[in-house]
Every structure is written in structure tokens, then in C-alpha cells.
Amino acid sequence: MTQAFVVHLGREALTTVLMVSAPMLGLGLLVGILVSIFQATTQIQEQTLTFIPKIVAVLVSVVIFGPWMLARLVDFTTNLLTNLHIYIR
């Protein structure tokens, strides 16, 4: 197991994590910005107002993108475990 291979495996793992978490983070960010704009225009400065829409947005994104995220994680894990004998050498 060379250093280049370990770096490649780490890069692949990091890319998978970023791809899987991106829909939830992106939708949460978008809803947070929209709520902040709403608060700025109406001058409602309630801190708890932002939590419920963000939580709902993240849950909706998990429901919508859940099968894709699961398939991506299963593919990565299957690839990792299938080639385990090569990694150990």
C-alpha cells in the first residue's frame, strides 16, 4: 500500500462524503438565506424562526435524495470491501 494509493482512497472517501452531504447542506443554506432575507425585510429578529424551516428543508432533502445517497454510499462500501484483498497486500 503506497502513499499515493492511500491519498487516492482518502480523496475518494472525502468526495463521496461531500457528494452525499451536499443536497442537505445546500437546501439548508438556501432556506436559511431566504428566512434571513424575510427577517431583514420584515424586521422580525426572532432567532428561533430560522430553525424550523431549516429542519424541515433538511428532512425533505433526505426524503428526496435519500435513495441516491444510499446508493452512492453502498457503491463506495462495496468497492472498498470487494477490493480489500488488494488493499491489504
PDB file of N, CA and C in Angstrom:
ATOM      1  N   MET A   1       0.850  -1.168   0.000  1.00  0.00           N
ATOM      2  CA  MET A   1       0.000   0.000   0.000  1.00  0.00           C
ATOM      3  C   MET A   1       0.901   1.237   0.000  1.00  0.00           C
ATOM      4  N   THR A   2       0.898   1.947  -1.101  1.00  0.00           N
ATOM      5  CA  THR A   2       1.758   3.116  -1.239  1.00  0.00           C
ATOM      6  C   THR A   2       1.056   4.368  -0.721  1.00  0.00           C
ATOM      7  N   GLN A   3       1.845   5.416  -0.581  1.00  0.00           N
ATOM      8  CA  GLN A   3       1.276   6.684  -0.122  1.00  0.00           C
ATOM      9  C   GLN A   3       0.293   7.246  -1.144  1.00  0.00           C
ATOM     10  N   ALA A   4       0.589   7.085  -2.410  1.00  0.00           N
ATOM     11  CA  ALA A   4      -0.309   7.588  -3.453  1.00  0.00           C
ATOM     12  C   ALA A   4      -1.651   6.867  -3.403  1.00  0.00           C
ATOM     13  N   PHE A   5      -1.624   5.571  -3.115  1.00  0.00           N
ATOM     14  CA  PHE A   5      -2.868   4.821  -3.041  1.00  0.00           C
ATOM     15  C   PHE A   5      -3.702   5.260  -1.837  1.00  0.00           C
ATOM     16  N   VAL A   6      -3.044   5.496  -0.702  1.00  0.00           N
ATOM     17  CA  VAL A   6      -3.760   5.953   0.489  1.00  0.00           C
ATOM     18  C   VAL A   6      -4.373   7.326   0.251  1.00  0.00           C
ATOM     19  N   VAL A   7      -3.625   8.206  -0.420  1.00  0.00           N
ATOM     20  CA  VAL A   7      -4.150   9.539  -0.741  1.00  0.00           C
ATOM     21  C   VAL A   7      -5.341   9.419  -1.688  1.00  0.00           C
ATOM     22  N   HIS A   8      -5.249   8.535  -2.678  1.00  0.00           N
ATOM     23  CA  HIS A   8      -6.352   8.330  -3.618  1.00  0.00           C
ATOM     24  C   HIS A   8      -7.588   7.797  -2.894  1.00  0.00           C
ATOM     25  N   LEU A   9      -7.398   6.839  -1.995  1.00  0.00           N
ATOM     26  CA  LEU A   9      -8.529   6.277  -1.247  1.00  0.00           C
ATOM     27  C   LEU A   9      -9.160   7.327  -0.330  1.00  0.00           C
ATOM     28  N   GLY A  10      -8.319   8.133   0.309  1.00  0.00           N
ATOM     29  CA  GLY A  10      -8.837   9.218   1.150  1.00  0.00           C
ATOM     30  C   GLY A  10      -9.578  10.262   0.340  1.00  0.00           C
ATOM     31  N   ARG A  11      -9.059  10.582  -0.845  1.00  0.00           N
ATOM     32  CA  ARG A  11      -9.732  11.552  -1.721  1.00  0.00           C
ATOM     33  C   ARG A  11     -11.081  11.027  -2.175  1.00  0.00           C
ATOM     34  N   GLU A  12     -11.132   9.738  -2.503  1.00  0.00           N
ATOM     35  CA  GLU A  12     -12.399   9.136  -2.930  1.00  0.00           C
ATOM     36  C   GLU A  12     -13.420   9.129  -1.789  1.00  0.00           C
ATOM     37  N   ALA A  13     -12.965   8.834  -0.581  1.00  0.00           N
ATOM     38  CA  ALA A  13     -13.863   8.850   0.579  1.00  0.00           C
ATOM     39  C   ALA A  13     -14.370  10.260   0.857  1.00  0.00           C
ATOM     40  N   LEU A  14     -13.484  11.238   0.796  1.00  0.00           N
ATOM     41  CA  LEU A  14     -13.880  12.626   1.035  1.00  0.00           C
ATOM     42  C   LEU A  14     -14.848  13.126  -0.035  1.00  0.00           C
ATOM     43  N   THR A  15     -14.608  12.765  -1.281  1.00  0.00           N
ATOM     44  CA  THR A  15     -15.509  13.143  -2.369  1.00  0.00           C
ATOM     45  C   THR A  15     -16.882  12.527  -2.174  1.00  0.00           C
ATOM     46  N   THR A  16     -16.915  11.270  -1.744  1.00  0.00           N
ATOM     47  CA  THR A  16     -18.206  10.610  -1.501  1.00  0.00           C
ATOM     48  C   THR A  16     -18.965  11.296  -0.373  1.00  0.00           C
ATOM     49  N   VAL A  17     -18.265  11.630   0.694  1.00  0.00           N
ATOM     50  CA  VAL A  17     -18.918  12.315   1.820  1.00  0.00           C
ATOM     51  C   VAL A  17     -19.456  13.668   1.392  1.00  0.00           C
ATOM     52  N   LEU A  18     -18.678  14.419   0.628  1.00  0.00           N
ATOM     53  CA  LEU A  18     -19.133  15.736   0.171  1.00  0.00           C
ATOM     54  C   LEU A  18     -20.326  15.630  -0.772  1.00  0.00           C
ATOM     55  N   MET A  19     -20.306  14.650  -1.674  1.00  0.00           N
ATOM     56  CA  MET A  19     -21.419  14.475  -2.602  1.00  0.00           C
ATOM     57  C   MET A  19     -22.699  14.064  -1.868  1.00  0.00           C
ATOM     58  N   VAL A  20     -22.561  13.229  -0.845  1.00  0.00           N
ATOM     59  CA  VAL A  20     -23.740  12.761  -0.119  1.00  0.00           C
ATOM     60  C   VAL A  20     -24.315  13.867   0.763  1.00  0.00           C
ATOM     61  N   SER A  21     -23.469  14.688   1.342  1.00  0.00           N
ATOM     62  CA  SER A  21     -23.970  15.728   2.243  1.00  0.00           C
ATOM     63  C   SER A  21     -24.376  17.014   1.515  1.00  0.00           C
ATOM     64  N   ALA A  22     -23.986  17.177   0.268  1.00  0.00           N
ATOM     65  CA  ALA A  22     -24.251  18.420  -0.462  1.00  0.00           C
ATOM     66  C   ALA A  22     -25.736  18.768  -0.610  1.00  0.00           C
ATOM     67  N   PRO A  23     -26.624  17.814  -0.948  1.00  0.00           N
ATOM     68  CA  PRO A  23     -28.031  18.216  -1.081  1.00  0.00           C
ATOM     69  C   PRO A  23     -28.640  18.753   0.214  1.00  0.00           C
ATOM     70  N   MET A  24     -28.319  18.119   1.344  1.00  0.00           N
ATOM     71  CA  MET A  24     -28.867  18.581   2.615  1.00  0.00           C
ATOM     72  C   MET A  24     -28.302  19.939   2.997  1.00  0.00           C
ATOM     73  N   LEU A  25     -26.994  20.105   2.844  1.00  0.00           N
ATOM     74  CA  LEU A  25     -26.372  21.378   3.200  1.00  0.00           C
ATOM     75  C   LEU A  25     -26.814  22.499   2.268  1.00  0.00           C
ATOM     76  N   GLY A  26     -26.919  22.198   0.992  1.00  0.00           N
ATOM     77  CA  GLY A  26     -27.328  23.219   0.027  1.00  0.00           C
ATOM     78  C   GLY A  26     -28.748  23.706   0.257  1.00  0.00           C
ATOM     79  N   LEU A  27     -29.646  22.760   0.478  1.00  0.00           N
ATOM     80  CA  LEU A  27     -31.039  23.157   0.719  1.00  0.00           C
ATOM     81  C   LEU A  27     -31.188  23.888   2.056  1.00  0.00           C
ATOM     82  N   GLY A  28     -30.452  23.451   3.065  1.00  0.00           N
ATOM     83  CA  GLY A  28     -30.470  24.158   4.349  1.00  0.00           C
ATOM     84  C   GLY A  28     -29.919  25.568   4.222  1.00  0.00           C
ATOM     85  N   LEU A  29     -28.874  25.726   3.427  1.00  0.00           N
ATOM     86  CA  LEU A  29     -28.306  27.045   3.193  1.00  0.00           C
ATOM     87  C   LEU A  29     -29.279  27.951   2.449  1.00  0.00           C
ATOM     88  N   LEU A  30     -29.920  27.407   1.427  1.00  0.00           N
ATOM     89  CA  LEU A  30     -30.872  28.191   0.649  1.00  0.00           C
ATOM     90  C   LEU A  30     -32.053  28.649   1.513  1.00  0.00           C
ATOM     91  N   VAL A  31     -32.594  27.753   2.313  1.00  0.00           N
ATOM     92  CA  VAL A  31     -33.713  28.120   3.193  1.00  0.00           C
ATOM     93  C   VAL A  31     -33.253  29.122   4.241  1.00  0.00           C
ATOM     94  N   GLY A  32     -32.046  28.955   4.761  1.00  0.00           N
ATOM     95  CA  GLY A  32     -31.524  29.911   5.740  1.00  0.00           C
ATOM     96  C   GLY A  32     -31.385  31.306   5.171  1.00  0.00           C
ATOM     97  N   ILE A  33     -30.911  31.396   3.932  1.00  0.00           N
ATOM     98  CA  ILE A  33     -30.781  32.704   3.288  1.00  0.00           C
ATOM     99  C   ILE A  33     -32.152  33.327   3.045  1.00  0.00           C
ATOM    100  N   LEU A  34     -33.109  32.514   2.585  1.00  0.00           N
ATOM    101  CA  LEU A  34     -34.457  33.044   2.347  1.00  0.00           C
ATOM    102  C   LEU A  34     -35.110  33.533   3.641  1.00  0.00           C
ATOM    103  N   VAL A  35     -34.940  32.785   4.731  1.00  0.00           N
ATOM    104  CA  VAL A  35     -35.512  33.210   6.015  1.00  0.00           C
ATOM    105  C   VAL A  35     -34.812  34.474   6.510  1.00  0.00           C
ATOM    106  N   SER A  36     -33.506  34.562   6.304  1.00  0.00           N
ATOM    107  CA  SER A  36     -32.780  35.767   6.715  1.00  0.00           C
ATOM    108  C   SER A  36     -33.234  36.992   5.934  1.00  0.00           C
ATOM    109  N   ILE A  37     -33.464  36.812   4.633  1.00  0.00           N
ATOM    110  CA  ILE A  37     -33.983  37.926   3.830  1.00  0.00           C
ATOM    111  C   ILE A  37     -35.372  38.317   4.310  1.00  0.00           C
ATOM    112  N   PHE A  38     -36.198  37.333   4.611  1.00  0.00           N
ATOM    113  CA  PHE A  38     -37.542  37.619   5.139  1.00  0.00           C
ATOM    114  C   PHE A  38     -37.449  38.371   6.461  1.00  0.00           C
ATOM    115  N   GLN A  39     -36.551  37.935   7.340  1.00  0.00           N
ATOM    116  CA  GLN A  39     -36.401  38.617   8.623  1.00  0.00           C
ATOM    117  C   GLN A  39     -35.878  40.042   8.449  1.00  0.00           C
ATOM    118  N   ALA A  40     -34.984  40.238   7.500  1.00  0.00           N
ATOM    119  CA  ALA A  40     -34.435  41.579   7.287  1.00  0.00           C
ATOM    120  C   ALA A  40     -35.482  42.527   6.712  1.00  0.00           C
ATOM    121  N   THR A  41     -36.339  42.014   5.835  1.00  0.00           N
ATOM    122  CA  THR A  41     -37.343  42.899   5.235  1.00  0.00           C
ATOM    123  C   THR A  41     -38.480  43.204   6.195  1.00  0.00           C
ATOM    124  N   THR A  42     -38.831  42.266   7.049  1.00  0.00           N
ATOM    125  CA  THR A  42     -39.937  42.498   7.972  1.00  0.00           C
ATOM    126  C   THR A  42     -39.464  42.980   9.334  1.00  0.00           C
ATOM    127  N   GLN A  43     -38.165  43.014   9.560  1.00  0.00           N
ATOM    128  CA  GLN A  43     -37.545  43.424  10.806  1.00  0.00           C
ATOM    129  C   GLN A  43     -37.998  42.585  11.995  1.00  0.00           C
ATOM    130  N   ILE A  44     -38.267  41.315  11.733  1.00  0.00           N
ATOM    131  CA  ILE A  44     -38.549  40.356  12.803  1.00  0.00           C
ATOM    132  C   ILE A  44     -37.211  39.735  13.185  1.00  0.00           C
ATOM    133  N   GLN A  45     -36.739  39.980  14.378  1.00  0.00           N
ATOM    134  CA  GLN A  45     -35.429  39.485  14.792  1.00  0.00           C
ATOM    135  C   GLN A  45     -35.568  38.344  15.797  1.00  0.00           C
ATOM    136  N   GLU A  46     -36.365  37.380  15.470  1.00  0.00           N
ATOM    137  CA  GLU A  46     -36.558  36.209  16.315  1.00  0.00           C
ATOM    138  C   GLU A  46     -35.573  35.118  15.878  1.00  0.00           C
ATOM    139  N   GLN A  47     -34.689  34.694  16.789  1.00  0.00           N
ATOM    140  CA  GLN A  47     -33.659  33.722  16.443  1.00  0.00           C
ATOM    141  C   GLN A  47     -34.223  32.325  16.208  1.00  0.00           C
ATOM    142  N   THR A  48     -35.313  31.990  16.880  1.00  0.00           N
ATOM    143  CA  THR A  48     -35.872  30.639  16.748  1.00  0.00           C
ATOM    144  C   THR A  48     -36.651  30.457  15.451  1.00  0.00           C
ATOM    145  N   LEU A  49     -36.920  31.533  14.743  1.00  0.00           N
ATOM    146  CA  LEU A  49     -37.692  31.448  13.496  1.00  0.00           C
ATOM    147  C   LEU A  49     -36.925  30.699  12.408  1.00  0.00           C
ATOM    148  N   THR A  50     -35.620  30.683  12.454  1.00  0.00           N
ATOM    149  CA  THR A  50     -34.841  30.060  11.395  1.00  0.00           C
ATOM    150  C   THR A  50     -34.722  28.546  11.542  1.00  0.00           C
ATOM    151  N   PHE A  51     -34.902  28.011  12.737  1.00  0.00           N
ATOM    152  CA  PHE A  51     -34.639  26.588  12.957  1.00  0.00           C
ATOM    153  C   PHE A  51     -35.653  25.666  12.301  1.00  0.00           C
ATOM    154  N   ILE A  52     -36.924  25.939  12.455  1.00  0.00           N
ATOM    155  CA  ILE A  52     -37.959  25.039  11.945  1.00  0.00           C
ATOM    156  C   ILE A  52     -37.913  24.920  10.420  1.00  0.00           C
ATOM    157  N   PRO A  53     -37.838  26.020   9.655  1.00  0.00           N
ATOM    158  CA  PRO A  53     -37.751  25.854   8.191  1.00  0.00           C
ATOM    159  C   PRO A  53     -36.499  25.099   7.750  1.00  0.00           C
ATOM    160  N   LYS A  54     -35.372  25.311   8.429  1.00  0.00           N
ATOM    161  CA  LYS A  54     -34.146  24.595   8.070  1.00  0.00           C
ATOM    162  C   LYS A  54     -34.287  23.102   8.345  1.00  0.00           C
ATOM    163  N   ILE A  55     -34.842  22.751   9.483  1.00  0.00           N
ATOM    164  CA  ILE A  55     -35.030  21.337   9.823  1.00  0.00           C
ATOM    165  C   ILE A  55     -35.962  20.670   8.828  1.00  0.00           C
ATOM    166  N   VAL A  56     -37.046  21.339   8.490  1.00  0.00           N
ATOM    167  CA  VAL A  56     -37.988  20.785   7.510  1.00  0.00           C
ATOM    168  C   VAL A  56     -37.308  20.633   6.147  1.00  0.00           C
ATOM    169  N   ALA A  57     -36.520  21.614   5.739  1.00  0.00           N
ATOM    170  CA  ALA A  57     -35.835  21.548   4.444  1.00  0.00           C
ATOM    171  C   ALA A  57     -34.840  20.392   4.404  1.00  0.00           C
ATOM    172  N   VAL A  58     -34.105  20.185   5.489  1.00  0.00           N
ATOM    173  CA  VAL A  58     -33.145  19.086   5.527  1.00  0.00           C
ATOM    174  C   VAL A  58     -33.874  17.744   5.506  1.00  0.00           C
ATOM    175  N   LEU A  59     -34.967  17.622   6.238  1.00  0.00           N
ATOM    176  CA  LEU A  59     -35.737  16.373   6.221  1.00  0.00           C
ATOM    177  C   LEU A  59     -36.336  16.097   4.837  1.00  0.00           C
ATOM    178  N   VAL A  60     -36.815  17.133   4.172  1.00  0.00           N
ATOM    179  CA  VAL A  60     -37.356  16.963   2.818  1.00  0.00           C
ATOM    180  C   VAL A  60     -36.248  16.540   1.856  1.00  0.00           C
ATOM    181  N   SER A  61     -35.061  17.117   2.013  1.00  0.00           N
ATOM    182  CA  SER A  61     -33.962  16.731   1.136  1.00  0.00           C
ATOM    183  C   SER A  61     -33.522  15.294   1.396  1.00  0.00           C
ATOM    184  N   VAL A  62     -33.596  14.837   2.638  1.00  0.00           N
ATOM    185  CA  VAL A  62     -33.276  13.430   2.929  1.00  0.00           C
ATOM    186  C   VAL A  62     -34.303  12.506   2.285  1.00  0.00           C
ATOM    187  N   VAL A  63     -35.566  12.892   2.315  1.00  0.00           N
ATOM    188  CA  VAL A  63     -36.605  12.067   1.691  1.00  0.00           C
ATOM    189  C   VAL A  63     -36.426  12.033   0.174  1.00  0.00           C
ATOM    190  N   ILE A  64     -36.119  13.177  -0.414  1.00  0.00           N
ATOM    191  CA  ILE A  64     -35.989  13.241  -1.870  1.00  0.00           C
ATOM    192  C   ILE A  64     -34.695  12.583  -2.347  1.00  0.00           C
ATOM    193  N   PHE A  65     -33.580  12.929  -1.712  1.00  0.00           N
ATOM    194  CA  PHE A  65     -32.275  12.450  -2.171  1.00  0.00           C
ATOM    195  C   PHE A  65     -31.791  11.211  -1.434  1.00  0.00           C
ATOM    196  N   GLY A  66     -32.569  10.686  -0.511  1.00  0.00           N
ATOM    197  CA  GLY A  66     -32.167   9.529   0.281  1.00  0.00           C
ATOM    198  C   GLY A  66     -31.779   8.303  -0.520  1.00  0.00           C
ATOM    199  N   PRO A  67     -32.594   7.885  -1.490  1.00  0.00           N
ATOM    200  CA  PRO A  67     -32.196   6.712  -2.283  1.00  0.00           C
ATOM    201  C   PRO A  67     -30.900   6.921  -3.045  1.00  0.00           C
ATOM    202  N   TRP A  68     -30.694   8.101  -3.594  1.00  0.00           N
ATOM    203  CA  TRP A  68     -29.446   8.378  -4.307  1.00  0.00           C
ATOM    204  C   TRP A  68     -28.258   8.364  -3.348  1.00  0.00           C
ATOM    205  N   MET A  69     -28.430   8.965  -2.165  1.00  0.00           N
ATOM    206  CA  MET A  69     -27.345   8.987  -1.191  1.00  0.00           C
ATOM    207  C   MET A  69     -27.010   7.574  -0.719  1.00  0.00           C
ATOM    208  N   LEU A  70     -28.023   6.774  -0.483  1.00  0.00           N
ATOM    209  CA  LEU A  70     -27.798   5.401  -0.049  1.00  0.00           C
ATOM    210  C   LEU A  70     -27.089   4.592  -1.130  1.00  0.00           C
ATOM    211  N   ALA A  71     -27.502   4.766  -2.375  1.00  0.00           N
ATOM    212  CA  ALA A  71     -26.858   4.043  -3.475  1.00  0.00           C
ATOM    213  C   ALA A  71     -25.389   4.447  -3.608  1.00  0.00           C
ATOM    214  N   ARG A  72     -25.113   5.721  -3.460  1.00  0.00           N
ATOM    215  CA  ARG A  72     -23.724   6.205  -3.549  1.00  0.00           C
ATOM    216  C   ARG A  72     -22.867   5.618  -2.428  1.00  0.00           C
ATOM    217  N   LEU A  73     -23.400   5.588  -1.207  1.00  0.00           N
ATOM    218  CA  LEU A  73     -22.655   5.028  -0.083  1.00  0.00           C
ATOM    219  C   LEU A  73     -22.472   3.524  -0.210  1.00  0.00           C
ATOM    220  N   VAL A  74     -23.491   2.839  -0.695  1.00  0.00           N
ATOM    221  CA  VAL A  74     -23.386   1.390  -0.889  1.00  0.00           C
ATOM    222  C   VAL A  74     -22.367   1.072  -1.975  1.00  0.00           C
ATOM    223  N   ASP A  75     -22.335   1.846  -3.049  1.00  0.00           N
ATOM    224  CA  ASP A  75     -21.338   1.634  -4.105  1.00  0.00           C
ATOM    225  C   ASP A  75     -19.914   1.817  -3.573  1.00  0.00           C
ATOM    226  N   PHE A  76     -19.710   2.857  -2.790  1.00  0.00           N
ATOM    227  CA  PHE A  76     -18.382   3.094  -2.229  1.00  0.00           C
ATOM    228  C   PHE A  76     -17.980   1.959  -1.288  1.00  0.00           C
ATOM    229  N   THR A  77     -18.893   1.547  -0.413  1.00  0.00           N
ATOM    230  CA  THR A  77     -18.586   0.480   0.535  1.00  0.00           C
ATOM    231  C   THR A  77     -18.360  -0.842  -0.168  1.00  0.00           C
ATOM    232  N   THR A  78     -19.167  -1.131  -1.169  1.00  0.00           N
ATOM    233  CA  THR A  78     -18.987  -2.374  -1.937  1.00  0.00           C
ATOM    234  C   THR A  78     -17.641  -2.385  -2.638  1.00  0.00           C
ATOM    235  N   ASN A  79     -17.269  -1.266  -3.240  1.00  0.00           N
ATOM    236  CA  ASN A  79     -15.972  -1.167  -3.898  1.00  0.00           C
ATOM    237  C   ASN A  79     -14.838  -1.350  -2.893  1.00  0.00           C
ATOM    238  N   LEU A  80     -14.983  -0.759  -1.718  1.00  0.00           N
ATOM    239  CA  LEU A  80     -13.959  -0.861  -0.696  1.00  0.00           C
ATOM    240  C   LEU A  80     -13.809  -2.295  -0.191  1.00  0.00           C
ATOM    241  N   LEU A  81     -14.922  -2.945   0.098  1.00  0.00           N
ATOM    242  CA  LEU A  81     -14.863  -4.305   0.641  1.00  0.00           C
ATOM    243  C   LEU A  81     -14.522  -5.344  -0.422  1.00  0.00           C
ATOM    244  N   THR A  82     -14.916  -5.114  -1.657  1.00  0.00           N
ATOM    245  CA  THR A  82     -14.594  -6.047  -2.737  1.00  0.00           C
ATOM    246  C   THR A  82     -13.094  -6.069  -3.012  1.00  0.00           C
ATOM    247  N   ASN A  83     -12.460  -4.926  -2.938  1.00  0.00           N
ATOM    248  CA  ASN A  83     -11.030  -4.825  -3.223  1.00  0.00           C
ATOM    249  C   ASN A  83     -10.173  -4.854  -1.968  1.00  0.00           C
ATOM    250  N   LEU A  84     -10.711  -5.344  -0.872  1.00  0.00           N
ATOM    251  CA  LEU A  84      -9.987  -5.368   0.389  1.00  0.00           C
ATOM    252  C   LEU A  84      -8.729  -6.226   0.299  1.00  0.00           C
ATOM    253  N   HIS A  85      -8.790  -7.312  -0.414  1.00  0.00           N
ATOM    254  CA  HIS A  85      -7.607  -8.170  -0.544  1.00  0.00           C
ATOM    255  C   HIS A  85      -6.460  -7.462  -1.279  1.00  0.00           C
ATOM    256  N   ILE A  86      -6.799  -6.538  -2.145  1.00  0.00           N
ATOM    257  CA  ILE A  86      -5.767  -5.759  -2.839  1.00  0.00           C
ATOM    258  C   ILE A  86      -5.173  -4.716  -1.886  1.00  0.00           C
ATOM    259  N   TYR A  87      -5.997  -4.139  -1.040  1.00  0.00           N
ATOM    260  CA  TYR A  87      -5.537  -3.115  -0.120  1.00  0.00           C
ATOM    261  C   TYR A  87      -4.621  -3.672   0.945  1.00  0.00           C
ATOM    262  N   ILE A  88      -4.866  -4.889   1.382  1.00  0.00           N
ATOM    263  CA  ILE A  88      -4.100  -5.484   2.470  1.00  0.00           C
ATOM    264  C   ILE A  88      -2.688  -5.850   2.017  1.00  0.00           C
ATOM    265  N   ARG A  89      -2.552  -6.237   0.766  1.00  0.00           N
ATOM    266  CA  ARG A  89      -1.252  -6.677   0.269  1.00  0.00           C
ATOM    267  C   ARG A  89      -0.189  -5.741   0.561  1.00  0.00           C
TER     268      ARG A  89
END
